[in-house]
Amino acid sequence: MRLDKLLSNLKYGTRNEIKKLVKQGYVKVNGEVVTDSGVHVDEIHDEIIIMNEVINYRPYIYLMMNKPQGYISATYDNYHETVLDLLDEEYLRYDLFPCGRLDIDTEGLIILTNDGKFAHQIMHPKKDIYKTYYVEVDQPLSQTDKDIFLRGLTILDGKDEPFTTKPAYLEVLSPYKATISIAEGKFHQVKRMFQALGKQVTYLKRIKIGKLKLDDALELGEYRELTETELALLLENDDK
């Protein structure tokens, strides 16, 4: 990759700004000062230093975050803070985006990456990757609710168009608490499903995507990089 392209991708400045820095001797490649910003470098194996900072380039980043309430699952919003506002500067350089969304008042597991192909694999409805939520409601739950969710029910999507849900799996933990696993991610889907049964969701937290569980050690607003094992879990069939 060209040196100026690499450094601009990592938000060290515009191409012109980087060109000036290079000409002024602020960049070294493998211990040698370079003055040509168009030189090609091996971004993975070469040691690249700009203004005494060693570049640690990685093409793709994968983060697990425990999203708190009050944050939008987007890269930008005019009115609310987004999940990117929770990230340190070192990760903002990678143009990360959330894989799917959680409502502003919903907590829990969300994945952030800059790998579009990977995101498509876990977000596309045809992949049938189930997302599991812990939910609290205002009316008692029953076996009948479980049966209805398993058969599928008709609700409205984000455009107020009716659609029938795929089989959803409800596990009743107590009269007012449960977990529910769904394969889609329509607008307010979990809330709308319970509303169709005459129940209001009072608390909602995503705890699992596919076979990947939210790390219990992550406090609200905290995040960490996924391990190779966890990445593989995200792409495995959950065998519902």
Protein backbone atom coordinates (compact mmCIF):
# COMPACT_ATOMS: atom_id res chain seq x y z
CA MET A 1 0.00 0.00 0.00
CA ARG A 2 1.18 3.56 -0.64
CA LEU A 3 2.47 5.22 2.51
CA ASP A 4 0.24 8.29 2.14
CA LYS A 5 -2.84 6.13 1.61
CA LEU A 6 -2.07 4.05 4.69
CA LEU A 7 -1.57 7.06 6.93
CA SER A 8 -4.63 8.89 5.61
CA ASN A 9 -6.75 5.76 6.13
CA LEU A 10 -5.57 5.74 9.73
CA LYS A 11 -6.65 9.39 10.14
CA TYR A 12 -3.17 10.91 10.50
CA GLY A 13 -4.21 13.70 8.16
CA THR A 14 -5.14 14.42 4.58
CA ARG A 15 -2.89 13.29 1.72
CA ASN A 16 -1.44 16.81 1.50
CA GLU A 17 -0.84 17.02 5.25
CA ILE A 18 0.86 13.63 5.25
CA LYS A 19 2.99 14.61 2.26
CA LYS A 20 4.31 17.61 4.24
CA LEU A 21 5.03 15.47 7.32
CA VAL A 22 6.95 12.97 5.23
CA LYS A 23 8.99 15.67 3.50
CA GLN A 24 9.86 17.15 6.89
CA GLY A 25 11.31 13.81 8.03
CA TYR A 26 8.64 12.83 10.57
CA VAL A 27 8.10 9.33 9.14
CA LYS A 28 10.38 6.30 9.32
CA VAL A 29 10.01 2.90 7.65
CA ASN A 30 12.06 0.10 9.16
CA GLY A 31 14.28 2.62 10.95
CA GLU A 32 14.98 4.79 7.89
CA VAL A 33 13.56 8.27 7.33
CA VAL A 34 11.53 8.41 4.13
CA THR A 35 10.79 11.60 2.19
CA ASP A 36 8.56 10.20 -0.55
CA SER A 37 4.94 9.83 0.60
CA GLY A 38 4.17 7.73 -2.47
CA VAL A 39 6.54 4.92 -1.53
CA HIS A 40 4.92 1.50 -1.18
CA VAL A 41 5.14 -0.22 2.20
CA ASP A 42 4.12 -3.58 3.63
CA GLU A 43 1.50 -2.37 6.08
CA ILE A 44 1.51 -5.67 7.96
CA HIS A 45 5.22 -6.42 8.33
CA ASP A 46 7.09 -3.09 7.96
CA GLU A 47 7.75 -1.01 11.07
CA ILE A 48 6.29 2.40 10.34
CA ILE A 49 6.75 5.30 12.76
CA ILE A 50 5.14 8.72 12.43
CA MET A 51 6.11 11.46 14.90
CA ASN A 52 7.58 8.81 17.24
CA GLU A 53 4.37 6.76 17.21
CA VAL A 54 4.61 3.19 15.95
CA ILE A 55 1.83 2.26 13.53
CA ASN A 56 0.02 -0.95 14.47
CA TYR A 57 -1.98 -1.57 11.31
CA ARG A 58 -4.65 -4.23 11.14
CA PRO A 59 -6.99 -4.49 8.16
CA TYR A 60 -10.00 -5.57 10.22
CA ILE A 61 -11.19 -4.94 13.75
CA TYR A 62 -13.93 -6.86 15.58
CA LEU A 63 -15.28 -5.55 18.89
CA MET A 64 -17.84 -6.86 21.39
CA MET A 65 -19.61 -4.07 23.25
CA ASN A 66 -22.11 -4.06 26.11
CA LYS A 67 -24.27 -1.18 24.83
CA PRO A 68 -25.91 1.00 27.46
CA GLN A 69 -29.26 2.71 27.09
CA GLY A 70 -29.22 6.18 25.56
CA TYR A 71 -26.90 5.39 22.66
CA ILE A 72 -27.86 4.99 19.00
CA SER A 73 -26.56 1.97 17.05
CA ALA A 74 -25.22 4.10 14.21
CA THR A 75 -22.05 5.85 13.09
CA TYR A 76 -23.60 9.34 13.28
CA ASP A 77 -26.72 11.00 14.63
CA ASN A 78 -27.75 14.65 14.84
CA TYR A 79 -29.48 14.34 18.20
CA HIS A 80 -28.07 11.41 20.18
CA GLU A 81 -24.70 9.94 21.07
CA THR A 82 -23.81 6.82 19.11
CA VAL A 83 -21.97 3.65 20.10
CA LEU A 84 -18.88 5.10 18.38
CA ASP A 85 -18.79 7.83 21.04
CA LEU A 86 -17.87 5.10 23.54
CA LEU A 87 -14.72 4.12 21.62
CA ASP A 88 -11.14 5.24 22.23
CA GLU A 89 -9.35 7.20 19.50
CA GLU A 90 -7.25 4.20 18.44
CA TYR A 91 -10.39 2.38 17.25
CA LEU A 92 -12.05 5.39 15.63
CA ARG A 93 -9.27 5.33 13.03
CA TYR A 94 -10.69 2.13 11.58
CA ASP A 95 -14.10 3.45 10.46
CA LEU A 96 -16.00 0.91 12.53
CA PHE A 97 -19.76 0.46 12.27
CA PRO A 98 -22.29 -1.57 14.29
CA CYS A 99 -23.48 -4.91 12.89
CA GLY A 100 -27.21 -4.45 13.11
CA ARG A 101 -28.90 -2.27 15.67
CA LEU A 102 -30.22 -2.13 19.18
CA ASP A 103 -32.92 0.37 20.12
CA ILE A 104 -31.80 3.42 22.06
CA ASP A 105 -33.45 2.04 25.23
CA THR A 106 -32.11 -1.51 24.76
CA GLU A 107 -28.88 -2.72 26.36
CA GLY A 108 -26.49 -5.52 25.60
CA LEU A 109 -24.41 -7.26 23.00
CA ILE A 110 -23.50 -5.45 19.82
CA ILE A 111 -20.65 -6.14 17.41
CA LEU A 112 -18.63 -3.37 15.77
CA THR A 113 -16.32 -3.96 12.81
CA ASN A 114 -14.97 -2.50 9.58
CA ASP A 115 -15.31 -5.83 7.75
CA GLY A 116 -18.33 -5.49 5.48
CA LYS A 117 -18.31 -9.09 4.29
CA PHE A 118 -18.26 -10.38 7.87
CA ALA A 119 -21.06 -8.01 8.88
CA HIS A 120 -23.21 -9.24 6.00
CA GLN A 121 -22.73 -12.83 7.13
CA ILE A 122 -24.14 -12.19 10.59
CA MET A 123 -26.76 -9.55 9.68
CA HIS A 124 -28.51 -10.93 6.62
CA PRO A 125 -31.93 -12.43 7.52
CA LYS A 126 -31.36 -15.43 5.23
CA LYS A 127 -28.44 -16.50 7.41
CA ASP A 128 -30.92 -17.35 10.21
CA ILE A 129 -28.52 -16.33 12.96
CA TYR A 130 -30.66 -16.12 16.11
CA LYS A 131 -30.30 -13.24 18.56
CA THR A 132 -31.24 -13.93 22.17
CA TYR A 133 -32.64 -11.28 24.52
CA TYR A 134 -33.37 -11.16 28.21
CA VAL A 135 -36.75 -9.49 28.62
CA GLU A 136 -38.98 -8.26 31.43
CA VAL A 137 -42.69 -7.60 30.83
CA ASP A 138 -45.64 -6.09 32.73
CA GLN A 139 -48.02 -9.07 32.42
CA PRO A 140 -47.52 -12.75 33.36
CA LEU A 141 -46.07 -15.09 30.73
CA SER A 142 -47.53 -18.49 29.92
CA GLN A 143 -47.04 -21.67 27.92
CA THR A 144 -49.54 -20.26 25.42
CA ASP A 145 -47.18 -17.33 24.72
CA LYS A 146 -44.38 -19.80 24.11
CA ASP A 147 -46.50 -21.77 21.63
CA ILE A 148 -47.60 -18.65 19.74
CA PHE A 149 -44.02 -17.42 19.36
CA LEU A 150 -42.93 -20.83 18.11
CA ARG A 151 -45.66 -20.87 15.44
CA GLY A 152 -44.95 -17.29 14.40
CA LEU A 153 -47.27 -14.32 14.62
CA THR A 154 -48.13 -11.37 12.44
CA ILE A 155 -46.90 -7.94 13.55
CA LEU A 156 -46.05 -4.63 11.86
CA ASP A 157 -42.53 -3.85 10.68
CA GLY A 158 -40.83 -0.43 10.79
CA LYS A 159 -42.93 0.77 7.83
CA ASP A 160 -46.16 -0.43 9.45
CA GLU A 161 -46.42 -3.26 6.96
CA PRO A 162 -47.62 -6.62 8.35
CA PHE A 163 -45.23 -9.56 8.30
CA THR A 164 -45.19 -12.98 9.91
CA THR A 165 -42.26 -13.73 12.18
CA LYS A 166 -40.09 -16.80 11.86
CA PRO A 167 -40.27 -19.28 14.76
CA ALA A 168 -39.15 -17.57 17.96
CA TYR A 169 -38.06 -19.41 21.08
CA LEU A 170 -39.38 -18.19 24.43
CA GLU A 171 -37.97 -19.53 27.69
CA VAL A 172 -39.98 -18.39 30.70
CA LEU A 173 -37.73 -17.73 33.70
CA SER A 174 -40.43 -16.39 36.02
CA PRO A 175 -43.94 -14.96 35.50
CA TYR A 176 -42.53 -11.62 34.31
CA LYS A 177 -39.07 -12.57 33.01
CA ALA A 178 -37.91 -14.60 30.03
CA THR A 179 -35.41 -15.00 27.23
CA ILE A 180 -36.48 -14.88 23.60
CA SER A 181 -34.50 -15.84 20.50
CA ILE A 182 -35.43 -14.41 17.09
CA ALA A 183 -33.86 -14.75 13.65
CA GLU A 184 -34.97 -11.38 12.26
CA GLY A 185 -34.30 -7.84 13.39
CA LYS A 186 -37.27 -5.75 12.35
CA PHE A 187 -37.88 -2.35 13.94
CA HIS A 188 -38.80 -2.84 17.63
CA GLN A 189 -39.53 -6.49 16.79
CA VAL A 190 -39.29 -8.00 20.28
CA LYS A 191 -41.42 -5.21 21.75
CA ARG A 192 -44.01 -5.56 18.98
CA MET A 193 -44.19 -9.33 19.43
CA PHE A 194 -45.01 -8.97 23.11
CA GLN A 195 -47.42 -6.13 22.39
CA ALA A 196 -49.31 -8.48 20.08
CA LEU A 197 -49.88 -10.65 23.17
CA GLY A 198 -51.05 -7.72 25.30
CA LYS A 199 -47.78 -7.31 27.18
CA GLN A 200 -45.42 -4.32 27.40
CA VAL A 201 -41.67 -4.81 27.55
CA THR A 202 -40.22 -2.94 30.53
CA TYR A 203 -36.58 -4.00 30.10
CA LEU A 204 -34.67 -5.52 27.19
CA LYS A 205 -31.09 -6.69 26.87
CA ARG A 206 -29.45 -8.69 24.08
CA ILE A 207 -27.31 -11.40 25.61
CA LYS A 208 -26.36 -13.60 22.66
CA ILE A 209 -25.81 -13.55 18.87
CA GLY A 210 -25.72 -17.03 17.41
CA LYS A 211 -23.52 -18.99 19.79
CA LEU A 212 -21.63 -15.91 20.99
CA LYS A 213 -22.59 -14.80 24.50
CA LEU A 214 -22.07 -11.35 25.94
CA ASP A 215 -19.03 -11.32 28.22
CA ASP A 216 -20.39 -10.95 31.77
CA ALA A 217 -17.22 -9.05 32.72
CA LEU A 218 -18.09 -6.15 30.42
CA GLU A 219 -19.84 -3.34 32.24
CA LEU A 220 -22.31 -1.15 30.37
CA GLY A 221 -20.37 0.95 27.85
CA GLU A 222 -17.32 -1.30 27.93
CA TYR A 223 -15.97 -3.28 24.98
CA ARG A 224 -13.11 -5.53 23.95
CA GLU A 225 -11.80 -7.23 20.84
CA LEU A 226 -13.22 -10.61 19.90
CA THR A 227 -10.99 -13.66 19.98
CA GLU A 228 -10.58 -15.94 16.96
CA THR A 229 -12.72 -18.54 18.74
CA GLU A 230 -15.49 -16.01 19.32
CA LEU A 231 -15.40 -14.90 15.68
CA ALA A 232 -15.91 -18.52 14.63
CA LEU A 233 -18.83 -18.86 17.07
CA LEU A 234 -20.62 -15.94 15.43
CA LEU A 235 -20.67 -17.77 12.10
CA GLU A 236 -21.73 -21.19 13.41
CA ASN A 237 -25.31 -22.38 13.05
CA ASP A 238 -27.13 -22.09 16.38
CA ASP A 239 -29.23 -25.21 15.70
CA LYS A 240 -32.48 -23.83 17.11
